[in-house]
Amino acid sequence: MIQLLAKLFVKDYKNYDNPAVRRGYGTLCSVTGIVLNFLQSFLKLLAGWLAGSVAIAADGVNNLSDAASSIVTLWGFRSSGKGADEDHPFGHGRNEYVAGLVVAVLVMVIGVEILKESVQKMIHPEPVTPSLISFLVLGGSVLLKLYMFA
């Protein structure tokens, strides 16, 4: 799939020695991962909601945080490559560190929120009601993850 997308979106896609082509591939792969993680998130949040399962919903939130982290990382990668200008005499290289900090804070906040929700469910348990639809949604999510891995 990446080769097909590269043909469509990366100019001179076979010239791997060109830094612009490598940047194009990096951006393409990042954007593809972001889109697929949003899709994974939607499917798992839907399945968690249908089944009433905090664990499945938490996995969906994890995919959502992966997508958000990828967006921040892509911004850091793209902006840190900018050269020096009047406001940044040494360039924008530190944007990568800022992006890393934002991702770390994001992951910690989401972890705390999932922990709070899990404790609430332990104190006030609700039955989990799996359905055929939730299994189909999760099956689609698994197939999508296998596709992303391959």
C-alpha atoms as a PDB file:
ATOM      1  CA  MET A   1       0.000   0.000   0.000  1.00  0.00           C
ATOM      2  CA  ILE A   2       2.833   2.423   0.845  1.00  0.00           C
ATOM      3  CA  GLN A   3       4.351   1.889  -2.613  1.00  0.00           C
ATOM      4  CA  LEU A   4       1.036   2.801  -4.260  1.00  0.00           C
ATOM      5  CA  LEU A   5       0.665   5.870  -2.033  1.00  0.00           C
ATOM      6  CA  ALA A   6       4.284   6.824  -2.719  1.00  0.00           C
ATOM      7  CA  LYS A   7       3.614   6.736  -6.469  1.00  0.00           C
ATOM      8  CA  LEU A   8       0.685   9.090  -5.906  1.00  0.00           C
ATOM      9  CA  PHE A   9       2.121  11.492  -3.317  1.00  0.00           C
ATOM     10  CA  VAL A  10       5.950  11.417  -3.380  1.00  0.00           C
ATOM     11  CA  LYS A  11       7.513  13.200  -6.330  1.00  0.00           C
ATOM     12  CA  ASP A  12      10.379  11.174  -7.869  1.00  0.00           C
ATOM     13  CA  TYR A  13       9.541   8.374  -5.397  1.00  0.00           C
ATOM     14  CA  LYS A  14      12.280   5.993  -6.599  1.00  0.00           C
ATOM     15  CA  ASN A  15      15.135   8.442  -5.979  1.00  0.00           C
ATOM     16  CA  TYR A  16      15.869   7.267  -2.416  1.00  0.00           C
ATOM     17  CA  ASP A  17      19.145   9.227  -2.223  1.00  0.00           C
ATOM     18  CA  ASN A  18      17.271  12.524  -2.450  1.00  0.00           C
ATOM     19  CA  PRO A  19      16.623  13.979   1.051  1.00  0.00           C
ATOM     20  CA  ALA A  20      13.313  15.451  -0.153  1.00  0.00           C
ATOM     21  CA  VAL A  21      12.146  11.992  -1.243  1.00  0.00           C
ATOM     22  CA  ARG A  22      13.165  10.494   2.110  1.00  0.00           C
ATOM     23  CA  ARG A  23      11.285  13.297   3.893  1.00  0.00           C
ATOM     24  CA  GLY A  24       8.311  12.582   1.655  1.00  0.00           C
ATOM     25  CA  TYR A  25       8.366   8.910   2.627  1.00  0.00           C
ATOM     26  CA  GLY A  26       8.654   9.845   6.313  1.00  0.00           C
ATOM     27  CA  THR A  27       5.690  12.174   6.065  1.00  0.00           C
ATOM     28  CA  LEU A  28       3.667   9.649   4.062  1.00  0.00           C
ATOM     29  CA  CYS A  29       4.295   6.851   6.558  1.00  0.00           C
ATOM     30  CA  SER A  30       3.516   9.147   9.480  1.00  0.00           C
ATOM     31  CA  VAL A  31       0.250  10.342   7.982  1.00  0.00           C
ATOM     32  CA  THR A  32      -0.744   6.784   7.060  1.00  0.00           C
ATOM     33  CA  GLY A  33      -0.052   5.654  10.636  1.00  0.00           C
ATOM     34  CA  ILE A  34      -2.053   8.565  12.013  1.00  0.00           C
ATOM     35  CA  VAL A  35      -5.072   7.761   9.838  1.00  0.00           C
ATOM     36  CA  LEU A  36      -4.931   4.041  10.653  1.00  0.00           C
ATOM     37  CA  ASN A  37      -4.574   4.750  14.392  1.00  0.00           C
ATOM     38  CA  PHE A  38      -7.625   7.026  14.271  1.00  0.00           C
ATOM     39  CA  LEU A  39      -9.536   4.230  12.535  1.00  0.00           C
ATOM     40  CA  GLN A  40      -8.325   1.705  15.154  1.00  0.00           C
ATOM     41  CA  SER A  41      -9.361   4.090  17.909  1.00  0.00           C
ATOM     42  CA  PHE A  42     -12.821   4.586  16.487  1.00  0.00           C
ATOM     43  CA  LEU A  43     -13.380   0.846  16.097  1.00  0.00           C
ATOM     44  CA  LYS A  44     -12.201   0.022  19.616  1.00  0.00           C
ATOM     45  CA  LEU A  45     -14.118   2.864  21.250  1.00  0.00           C
ATOM     46  CA  LEU A  46     -17.229   1.688  19.424  1.00  0.00           C
ATOM     47  CA  ALA A  47     -16.664  -1.917  20.513  1.00  0.00           C
ATOM     48  CA  GLY A  48     -15.980  -0.811  24.104  1.00  0.00           C
ATOM     49  CA  TRP A  49     -19.135   1.258  24.152  1.00  0.00           C
ATOM     50  CA  LEU A  50     -21.236  -1.559  22.648  1.00  0.00           C
ATOM     51  CA  ALA A  51     -19.864  -4.129  25.112  1.00  0.00           C
ATOM     52  CA  GLY A  52     -19.657  -1.774  28.102  1.00  0.00           C
ATOM     53  CA  SER A  53     -15.980  -2.667  28.493  1.00  0.00           C
ATOM     54  CA  VAL A  54     -13.519  -0.184  29.973  1.00  0.00           C
ATOM     55  CA  ALA A  55     -10.598  -2.355  28.841  1.00  0.00           C
ATOM     56  CA  ILE A  56     -11.597  -2.224  25.168  1.00  0.00           C
ATOM     57  CA  ALA A  57     -12.369   1.497  25.387  1.00  0.00           C
ATOM     58  CA  ALA A  58      -9.002   2.083  27.092  1.00  0.00           C
ATOM     59  CA  ASP A  59      -7.287   0.336  24.190  1.00  0.00           C
ATOM     60  CA  GLY A  60      -9.168   2.671  21.849  1.00  0.00           C
ATOM     61  CA  VAL A  61      -7.967   5.654  23.865  1.00  0.00           C
ATOM     62  CA  ASN A  62      -4.448   4.220  23.614  1.00  0.00           C
ATOM     63  CA  ASN A  63      -4.755   4.186  19.807  1.00  0.00           C
ATOM     64  CA  LEU A  64      -6.068   7.744  19.941  1.00  0.00           C
ATOM     65  CA  SER A  65      -3.050   8.785  22.011  1.00  0.00           C
ATOM     66  CA  ASP A  66      -0.788   7.013  19.495  1.00  0.00           C
ATOM     67  CA  ALA A  67      -2.352   9.080  16.704  1.00  0.00           C
ATOM     68  CA  ALA A  68      -2.007  12.299  18.693  1.00  0.00           C
ATOM     69  CA  SER A  69       1.586  11.428  19.582  1.00  0.00           C
ATOM     70  CA  SER A  70       2.332  10.782  15.922  1.00  0.00           C
ATOM     71  CA  ILE A  71       0.883  14.168  14.991  1.00  0.00           C
ATOM     72  CA  VAL A  72       3.041  15.937  17.576  1.00  0.00           C
ATOM     73  CA  THR A  73       6.106  13.918  16.544  1.00  0.00           C
ATOM     74  CA  LEU A  74       5.487  14.703  12.869  1.00  0.00           C
ATOM     75  CA  TRP A  75       5.272  18.401  13.745  1.00  0.00           C
ATOM     76  CA  GLY A  76       8.516  18.153  15.737  1.00  0.00           C
ATOM     77  CA  PHE A  77      10.257  16.330  12.911  1.00  0.00           C
ATOM     78  CA  ARG A  78       9.083  18.740  10.228  1.00  0.00           C
ATOM     79  CA  SER A  79       9.651  21.948  12.181  1.00  0.00           C
ATOM     80  CA  SER A  80      13.034  20.981  13.648  1.00  0.00           C
ATOM     81  CA  GLY A  81      14.490  20.759  10.148  1.00  0.00           C
ATOM     82  CA  LYS A  82      13.929  24.459   9.526  1.00  0.00           C
ATOM     83  CA  GLY A  83      17.071  26.524   9.435  1.00  0.00           C
ATOM     84  CA  ALA A  84      17.974  29.614  11.372  1.00  0.00           C
ATOM     85  CA  ASP A  85      15.881  32.744  11.047  1.00  0.00           C
ATOM     86  CA  GLU A  86      15.629  36.115  12.772  1.00  0.00           C
ATOM     87  CA  ASP A  87      13.698  34.747  15.780  1.00  0.00           C
ATOM     88  CA  HIS A  88      15.654  31.461  15.990  1.00  0.00           C
ATOM     89  CA  PRO A  89      19.334  32.197  15.265  1.00  0.00           C
ATOM     90  CA  PHE A  90      20.348  28.589  16.005  1.00  0.00           C
ATOM     91  CA  GLY A  91      17.495  26.984  14.055  1.00  0.00           C
ATOM     92  CA  HIS A  92      14.450  25.048  15.208  1.00  0.00           C
ATOM     93  CA  GLY A  93      16.163  21.827  16.310  1.00  0.00           C
ATOM     94  CA  ARG A  94      14.788  21.985  19.850  1.00  0.00           C
ATOM     95  CA  ASN A  95      11.254  21.521  18.547  1.00  0.00           C
ATOM     96  CA  GLU A  96      11.961  17.772  18.611  1.00  0.00           C
ATOM     97  CA  TYR A  97      12.531  17.983  22.358  1.00  0.00           C
ATOM     98  CA  VAL A  98       9.359  20.028  22.832  1.00  0.00           C
ATOM     99  CA  ALA A  99       7.434  17.434  20.832  1.00  0.00           C
ATOM    100  CA  GLY A 100       8.869  14.649  23.012  1.00  0.00           C
ATOM    101  CA  LEU A 101       7.819  16.486  26.162  1.00  0.00           C
ATOM    102  CA  VAL A 102       4.292  17.036  24.836  1.00  0.00           C
ATOM    103  CA  VAL A 103       3.979  13.348  23.952  1.00  0.00           C
ATOM    104  CA  ALA A 104       5.230  12.294  27.411  1.00  0.00           C
ATOM    105  CA  VAL A 105       2.733  14.574  29.184  1.00  0.00           C
ATOM    106  CA  LEU A 106      -0.071  13.365  26.911  1.00  0.00           C
ATOM    107  CA  VAL A 107       0.668   9.713  27.675  1.00  0.00           C
ATOM    108  CA  MET A 108       0.825  10.391  31.425  1.00  0.00           C
ATOM    109  CA  VAL A 109      -2.481  12.301  31.467  1.00  0.00           C
ATOM    110  CA  ILE A 110      -4.252   9.574  29.508  1.00  0.00           C
ATOM    111  CA  GLY A 111      -2.774   6.907  31.799  1.00  0.00           C
ATOM    112  CA  VAL A 112      -4.071   8.709  34.898  1.00  0.00           C
ATOM    113  CA  GLU A 113      -7.531   9.103  33.344  1.00  0.00           C
ATOM    114  CA  ILE A 114      -7.721   5.408  32.434  1.00  0.00           C
ATOM    115  CA  LEU A 115      -6.566   4.491  35.949  1.00  0.00           C
ATOM    116  CA  LYS A 116      -9.304   6.668  37.484  1.00  0.00           C
ATOM    117  CA  GLU A 117     -11.979   5.117  35.237  1.00  0.00           C
ATOM    118  CA  SER A 118     -10.751   1.596  36.019  1.00  0.00           C
ATOM    119  CA  VAL A 119     -10.871   2.225  39.777  1.00  0.00           C
ATOM    120  CA  GLN A 120     -14.401   3.628  39.422  1.00  0.00           C
ATOM    121  CA  LYS A 121     -15.470   0.481  37.564  1.00  0.00           C
ATOM    122  CA  MET A 122     -13.957  -1.694  40.315  1.00  0.00           C
ATOM    123  CA  ILE A 123     -15.841   0.250  42.997  1.00  0.00           C
ATOM    124  CA  HIS A 124     -19.091   0.354  40.988  1.00  0.00           C
ATOM    125  CA  PRO A 125     -18.910  -2.654  38.637  1.00  0.00           C
ATOM    126  CA  GLU A 126     -21.196  -2.943  35.637  1.00  0.00           C
ATOM    127  CA  PRO A 127     -21.751  -6.097  33.621  1.00  0.00           C
ATOM    128  CA  VAL A 128     -19.904  -6.421  30.343  1.00  0.00           C
ATOM    129  CA  THR A 129     -22.298  -7.411  27.575  1.00  0.00           C
ATOM    130  CA  PRO A 130     -20.385  -8.619  24.545  1.00  0.00           C
ATOM    131  CA  SER A 131     -22.361  -8.731  21.330  1.00  0.00           C
ATOM    132  CA  LEU A 132     -21.786 -10.011  17.838  1.00  0.00           C
ATOM    133  CA  ILE A 133     -21.283  -6.433  16.645  1.00  0.00           C
ATOM    134  CA  SER A 134     -18.578  -5.764  19.251  1.00  0.00           C
ATOM    135  CA  PHE A 135     -16.778  -8.987  18.243  1.00  0.00           C
ATOM    136  CA  LEU A 136     -16.983  -8.023  14.554  1.00  0.00           C
ATOM    137  CA  VAL A 137     -15.662  -4.543  15.310  1.00  0.00           C
ATOM    138  CA  LEU A 138     -12.791  -5.995  17.340  1.00  0.00           C
ATOM    139  CA  GLY A 139     -12.089  -8.536  14.590  1.00  0.00           C
ATOM    140  CA  GLY A 140     -11.876  -5.687  12.073  1.00  0.00           C
ATOM    141  CA  SER A 141      -9.543  -3.874  14.441  1.00  0.00           C
ATOM    142  CA  VAL A 142      -7.294  -6.929  14.690  1.00  0.00           C
ATOM    143  CA  LEU A 143      -7.173  -7.270  10.897  1.00  0.00           C
ATOM    144  CA  LEU A 144      -6.309  -3.590  10.567  1.00  0.00           C
ATOM    145  CA  LYS A 145      -3.504  -3.971  13.143  1.00  0.00           C
ATOM    146  CA  LEU A 146      -2.150  -7.007  11.273  1.00  0.00           C
ATOM    147  CA  TYR A 147      -2.212  -4.978   8.060  1.00  0.00           C
ATOM    148  CA  MET A 148      -0.314  -2.147   9.776  1.00  0.00           C
ATOM    149  CA  PHE A 149       2.266  -4.655  11.028  1.00  0.00           C
ATOM    150  CA  ALA A 150       2.838  -6.255   7.634  1.00  0.00           C
END
